[in-house]
Amino acid sequence: MSRDISAKGKLAEYRRSIDNIDAALVMMLAERFKITQKVGAFKAEQGLPPADPGREDEQITRLRRLAAEADLDPEFSEKFLRFIIDEVIRHHRRAGSES
């Protein structure tokens, strides 16, 4: 019985840590999107294209390297960043069509 309680307590501790990390991820993504919205507005004002493939490639290369250094699957990190980049470009296109 006490082993079961101990296991449940440990699992709850792990889950609290995951919940805290998830909350931090959401806050970081929100902050990132606030900044990329400013970039989108600036690009629209300047008549710049919403996408910058060179910058995207640099970021993906950089993130894959960081992922490998952190013992995280670089493929996963690239998919994650690609998802974020695609969303940012969608926002930039919308900002460009509103100006």
N, C-alpha and C. Protein backbone atom coordinates (compact mmCIF):
# COMPACT_ATOMS: atom_id res chain seq x y z
N MET A 1 0.83 -1.20 0.00
CA MET A 1 0.00 0.00 0.00
C MET A 1 0.87 1.26 0.00
N SER A 2 1.88 1.34 0.87
CA SER A 2 2.70 2.55 0.94
C SER A 2 3.51 2.73 -0.35
N ARG A 3 3.89 1.63 -1.00
CA ARG A 3 4.60 1.74 -2.27
C ARG A 3 3.69 2.38 -3.31
N ASP A 4 2.41 2.04 -3.30
CA ASP A 4 1.43 2.60 -4.24
C ASP A 4 1.28 4.10 -4.01
N ILE A 5 1.23 4.51 -2.74
CA ILE A 5 1.12 5.93 -2.40
C ILE A 5 2.39 6.66 -2.81
N SER A 6 3.53 6.04 -2.57
CA SER A 6 4.80 6.63 -2.94
C SER A 6 4.90 6.80 -4.46
N ALA A 7 4.47 5.80 -5.20
CA ALA A 7 4.50 5.87 -6.66
C ALA A 7 3.56 6.97 -7.15
N LYS A 8 2.38 7.07 -6.56
CA LYS A 8 1.43 8.12 -6.96
C LYS A 8 1.99 9.50 -6.65
N GLY A 9 2.66 9.62 -5.50
CA GLY A 9 3.26 10.91 -5.13
C GLY A 9 4.36 11.31 -6.10
N LYS A 10 5.18 10.36 -6.49
CA LYS A 10 6.27 10.63 -7.42
C LYS A 10 5.70 11.01 -8.79
N LEU A 11 4.69 10.28 -9.22
CA LEU A 11 4.04 10.59 -10.50
C LEU A 11 3.43 11.99 -10.46
N ALA A 12 2.79 12.33 -9.37
CA ALA A 12 2.20 13.67 -9.22
C ALA A 12 3.29 14.74 -9.27
N GLU A 13 4.43 14.46 -8.66
CA GLU A 13 5.56 15.40 -8.68
C GLU A 13 6.05 15.61 -10.12
N TYR A 14 6.22 14.52 -10.85
CA TYR A 14 6.63 14.62 -12.25
C TYR A 14 5.62 15.43 -13.06
N ARG A 15 4.36 15.15 -12.82
CA ARG A 15 3.31 15.84 -13.58
C ARG A 15 3.26 17.33 -13.25
N ARG A 16 3.52 17.70 -12.01
CA ARG A 16 3.59 19.12 -11.66
C ARG A 16 4.74 19.80 -12.40
N SER A 17 5.85 19.10 -12.49
CA SER A 17 6.99 19.65 -13.24
C SER A 17 6.63 19.82 -14.71
N ILE A 18 5.98 18.83 -15.30
CA ILE A 18 5.55 18.92 -16.70
C ILE A 18 4.58 20.08 -16.87
N ASP A 19 3.64 20.22 -15.95
CA ASP A 19 2.67 21.32 -16.03
C ASP A 19 3.36 22.67 -15.98
N ASN A 20 4.36 22.80 -15.11
CA ASN A 20 5.12 24.06 -15.02
C ASN A 20 5.87 24.35 -16.31
N ILE A 21 6.49 23.32 -16.88
CA ILE A 21 7.21 23.50 -18.14
C ILE A 21 6.25 23.87 -19.25
N ASP A 22 5.09 23.20 -19.31
CA ASP A 22 4.09 23.53 -20.32
C ASP A 22 3.64 24.98 -20.20
N ALA A 23 3.43 25.44 -18.99
CA ALA A 23 3.03 26.83 -18.78
C ALA A 23 4.12 27.78 -19.26
N ALA A 24 5.37 27.45 -18.97
CA ALA A 24 6.49 28.28 -19.41
C ALA A 24 6.57 28.29 -20.94
N LEU A 25 6.36 27.14 -21.57
CA LEU A 25 6.37 27.08 -23.03
C LEU A 25 5.29 27.97 -23.64
N VAL A 26 4.11 27.93 -23.07
CA VAL A 26 3.01 28.76 -23.58
C VAL A 26 3.37 30.24 -23.44
N MET A 27 3.92 30.62 -22.29
CA MET A 27 4.28 32.02 -22.07
C MET A 27 5.39 32.44 -23.04
N MET A 28 6.36 31.59 -23.27
CA MET A 28 7.45 31.89 -24.20
C MET A 28 6.93 32.01 -25.63
N LEU A 29 6.03 31.11 -26.01
CA LEU A 29 5.45 31.20 -27.36
C LEU A 29 4.64 32.47 -27.51
N ALA A 30 3.89 32.84 -26.48
CA ALA A 30 3.11 34.08 -26.54
C ALA A 30 4.04 35.28 -26.73
N GLU A 31 5.13 35.31 -26.00
CA GLU A 31 6.09 36.41 -26.13
C GLU A 31 6.73 36.41 -27.52
N ARG A 32 7.06 35.23 -28.01
CA ARG A 32 7.65 35.13 -29.35
C ARG A 32 6.69 35.67 -30.40
N PHE A 33 5.42 35.30 -30.29
CA PHE A 33 4.44 35.77 -31.27
C PHE A 33 4.18 37.27 -31.16
N LYS A 34 4.28 37.84 -29.97
CA LYS A 34 4.17 39.29 -29.85
C LYS A 34 5.26 39.98 -30.66
N ILE A 35 6.46 39.44 -30.58
CA ILE A 35 7.59 40.04 -31.31
C ILE A 35 7.45 39.81 -32.80
N THR A 36 7.05 38.60 -33.19
CA THR A 36 6.92 38.34 -34.63
C THR A 36 5.76 39.14 -35.24
N GLN A 37 4.77 39.49 -34.44
CA GLN A 37 3.71 40.37 -34.95
C GLN A 37 4.28 41.75 -35.27
N LYS A 38 5.19 42.21 -34.43
CA LYS A 38 5.85 43.49 -34.70
C LYS A 38 6.68 43.39 -35.98
N VAL A 39 7.36 42.26 -36.15
CA VAL A 39 8.13 42.05 -37.37
C VAL A 39 7.21 42.06 -38.58
N GLY A 40 6.07 41.40 -38.48
CA GLY A 40 5.11 41.36 -39.59
C GLY A 40 4.60 42.75 -39.94
N ALA A 41 4.29 43.54 -38.93
CA ALA A 41 3.82 44.91 -39.18
C ALA A 41 4.92 45.74 -39.84
N PHE A 42 6.15 45.57 -39.37
CA PHE A 42 7.28 46.30 -39.95
C PHE A 42 7.49 45.89 -41.40
N LYS A 43 7.45 44.59 -41.66
CA LYS A 43 7.61 44.12 -43.04
C LYS A 43 6.52 44.69 -43.94
N ALA A 44 5.30 44.70 -43.45
CA ALA A 44 4.19 45.24 -44.25
C ALA A 44 4.41 46.72 -44.53
N GLU A 45 4.82 47.49 -43.52
CA GLU A 45 5.09 48.93 -43.70
C GLU A 45 6.20 49.17 -44.72
N GLN A 46 7.19 48.30 -44.71
CA GLN A 46 8.36 48.47 -45.57
C GLN A 46 8.19 47.80 -46.94
N GLY A 47 7.08 47.11 -47.14
CA GLY A 47 6.86 46.41 -48.39
C GLY A 47 7.74 45.18 -48.55
N LEU A 48 8.17 44.61 -47.45
CA LEU A 48 9.02 43.42 -47.48
C LEU A 48 8.16 42.16 -47.57
N PRO A 49 8.69 41.10 -48.16
CA PRO A 49 7.91 39.86 -48.26
C PRO A 49 7.69 39.24 -46.88
N PRO A 50 6.57 38.55 -46.70
CA PRO A 50 6.26 37.96 -45.40
C PRO A 50 7.22 36.84 -45.00
N ALA A 51 7.77 36.14 -45.99
CA ALA A 51 8.67 35.03 -45.70
C ALA A 51 10.10 35.41 -46.06
N ASP A 52 11.05 34.82 -45.31
CA ASP A 52 12.47 35.03 -45.57
C ASP A 52 13.13 33.65 -45.51
N PRO A 53 13.13 32.93 -46.65
CA PRO A 53 13.65 31.55 -46.65
C PRO A 53 15.08 31.43 -46.13
N GLY A 54 15.93 32.40 -46.40
CA GLY A 54 17.31 32.35 -45.89
C GLY A 54 17.34 32.36 -44.37
N ARG A 55 16.58 33.26 -43.79
CA ARG A 55 16.50 33.36 -42.32
C ARG A 55 15.90 32.08 -41.74
N GLU A 56 14.87 31.55 -42.40
CA GLU A 56 14.24 30.32 -41.92
C GLU A 56 15.25 29.17 -41.92
N ASP A 57 16.02 29.04 -43.00
CA ASP A 57 17.03 27.98 -43.08
C ASP A 57 18.08 28.14 -41.97
N GLU A 58 18.50 29.39 -41.73
CA GLU A 58 19.47 29.64 -40.65
C GLU A 58 18.91 29.22 -39.30
N GLN A 59 17.66 29.57 -39.06
CA GLN A 59 17.03 29.25 -37.78
C GLN A 59 16.89 27.74 -37.61
N ILE A 60 16.50 27.05 -38.67
CA ILE A 60 16.33 25.60 -38.58
C ILE A 60 17.68 24.94 -38.31
N THR A 61 18.72 25.37 -39.02
CA THR A 61 20.06 24.83 -38.79
C THR A 61 20.49 25.07 -37.35
N ARG A 62 20.27 26.29 -36.87
CA ARG A 62 20.65 26.65 -35.50
C ARG A 62 19.88 25.81 -34.49
N LEU A 63 18.57 25.67 -34.69
CA LEU A 63 17.76 24.91 -33.74
C LEU A 63 18.12 23.43 -33.76
N ARG A 64 18.41 22.89 -34.93
CA ARG A 64 18.82 21.47 -35.01
C ARG A 64 20.12 21.26 -34.22
N ARG A 65 21.05 22.21 -34.33
CA ARG A 65 22.32 22.11 -33.58
C ARG A 65 22.05 22.18 -32.08
N LEU A 66 21.22 23.14 -31.67
CA LEU A 66 20.88 23.26 -30.25
C LEU A 66 20.19 22.00 -29.74
N ALA A 67 19.31 21.46 -30.54
CA ALA A 67 18.59 20.24 -30.14
C ALA A 67 19.58 19.09 -29.94
N ALA A 68 20.49 18.94 -30.88
CA ALA A 68 21.48 17.86 -30.76
C ALA A 68 22.32 18.04 -29.50
N GLU A 69 22.71 19.29 -29.22
CA GLU A 69 23.49 19.57 -28.01
C GLU A 69 22.70 19.27 -26.74
N ALA A 70 21.38 19.42 -26.82
CA ALA A 70 20.52 19.20 -25.65
C ALA A 70 20.00 17.76 -25.59
N ASP A 71 20.49 16.91 -26.49
CA ASP A 71 20.05 15.52 -26.56
C ASP A 71 18.56 15.41 -26.87
N LEU A 72 18.10 16.29 -27.78
CA LEU A 72 16.73 16.28 -28.26
C LEU A 72 16.79 15.93 -29.75
N ASP A 73 15.83 15.19 -30.22
CA ASP A 73 15.80 14.78 -31.62
C ASP A 73 15.75 16.01 -32.54
N PRO A 74 16.78 16.21 -33.36
CA PRO A 74 16.79 17.37 -34.27
C PRO A 74 15.61 17.38 -35.25
N GLU A 75 15.16 16.20 -35.66
CA GLU A 75 13.99 16.12 -36.56
C GLU A 75 12.76 16.71 -35.87
N PHE A 76 12.57 16.33 -34.61
CA PHE A 76 11.44 16.88 -33.85
C PHE A 76 11.55 18.38 -33.73
N SER A 77 12.74 18.87 -33.39
CA SER A 77 12.91 20.31 -33.21
C SER A 77 12.65 21.06 -34.52
N GLU A 78 13.08 20.46 -35.64
CA GLU A 78 12.83 21.11 -36.92
C GLU A 78 11.33 21.16 -37.23
N LYS A 79 10.62 20.07 -36.98
CA LYS A 79 9.16 20.05 -37.20
C LYS A 79 8.48 21.10 -36.33
N PHE A 80 8.91 21.20 -35.08
CA PHE A 80 8.34 22.16 -34.15
C PHE A 80 8.58 23.59 -34.65
N LEU A 81 9.82 23.90 -35.03
CA LEU A 81 10.13 25.24 -35.52
C LEU A 81 9.42 25.52 -36.84
N ARG A 82 9.35 24.54 -37.71
CA ARG A 82 8.67 24.73 -39.00
C ARG A 82 7.19 25.08 -38.76
N PHE A 83 6.57 24.41 -37.80
CA PHE A 83 5.18 24.70 -37.47
C PHE A 83 5.04 26.17 -37.02
N ILE A 84 5.96 26.61 -36.16
CA ILE A 84 5.92 27.99 -35.66
C ILE A 84 6.18 28.97 -36.80
N ILE A 85 7.19 28.70 -37.62
CA ILE A 85 7.50 29.58 -38.74
C ILE A 85 6.32 29.71 -39.69
N ASP A 86 5.70 28.58 -40.01
CA ASP A 86 4.54 28.62 -40.92
C ASP A 86 3.41 29.48 -40.35
N GLU A 87 3.21 29.40 -39.05
CA GLU A 87 2.17 30.21 -38.40
C GLU A 87 2.55 31.69 -38.44
N VAL A 88 3.81 32.00 -38.20
CA VAL A 88 4.28 33.38 -38.24
C VAL A 88 4.11 33.95 -39.66
N ILE A 89 4.49 33.17 -40.67
CA ILE A 89 4.33 33.64 -42.05
C ILE A 89 2.87 33.89 -42.37
N ARG A 90 2.00 33.02 -41.89
CA ARG A 90 0.55 33.23 -42.10
C ARG A 90 0.13 34.56 -41.49
N HIS A 91 0.62 34.87 -40.30
CA HIS A 91 0.30 36.15 -39.65
C HIS A 91 0.88 37.32 -40.45
N HIS A 92 2.11 37.15 -40.94
CA HIS A 92 2.75 38.22 -41.72
C HIS A 92 1.98 38.48 -43.02
N ARG A 93 1.52 37.43 -43.65
CA ARG A 93 0.74 37.60 -44.88
C ARG A 93 -0.55 38.36 -44.58
N ARG A 94 -1.16 38.01 -43.47
CA ARG A 94 -2.39 38.71 -43.09
C ARG A 94 -2.10 40.17 -42.79
N ALA A 95 -0.99 40.44 -42.12
CA ALA A 95 -0.61 41.83 -41.81
C ALA A 95 -0.36 42.59 -43.10
N GLY A 96 0.27 41.94 -44.08
CA GLY A 96 0.56 42.58 -45.36
C GLY A 96 -0.69 42.89 -46.15
N SER A 97 -1.69 42.03 -46.03
CA SER A 97 -2.93 42.27 -46.79
C SER A 97 -3.81 43.32 -46.12
N GLU A 98 -3.54 43.60 -44.83
CA GLU A 98 -4.34 44.60 -44.12
C GLU A 98 -3.80 46.02 -44.32
N SER A 99 -2.56 46.12 -44.82
CA SER A 99 -2.00 47.47 -44.96
C SER A 99 -2.25 48.03 -46.33
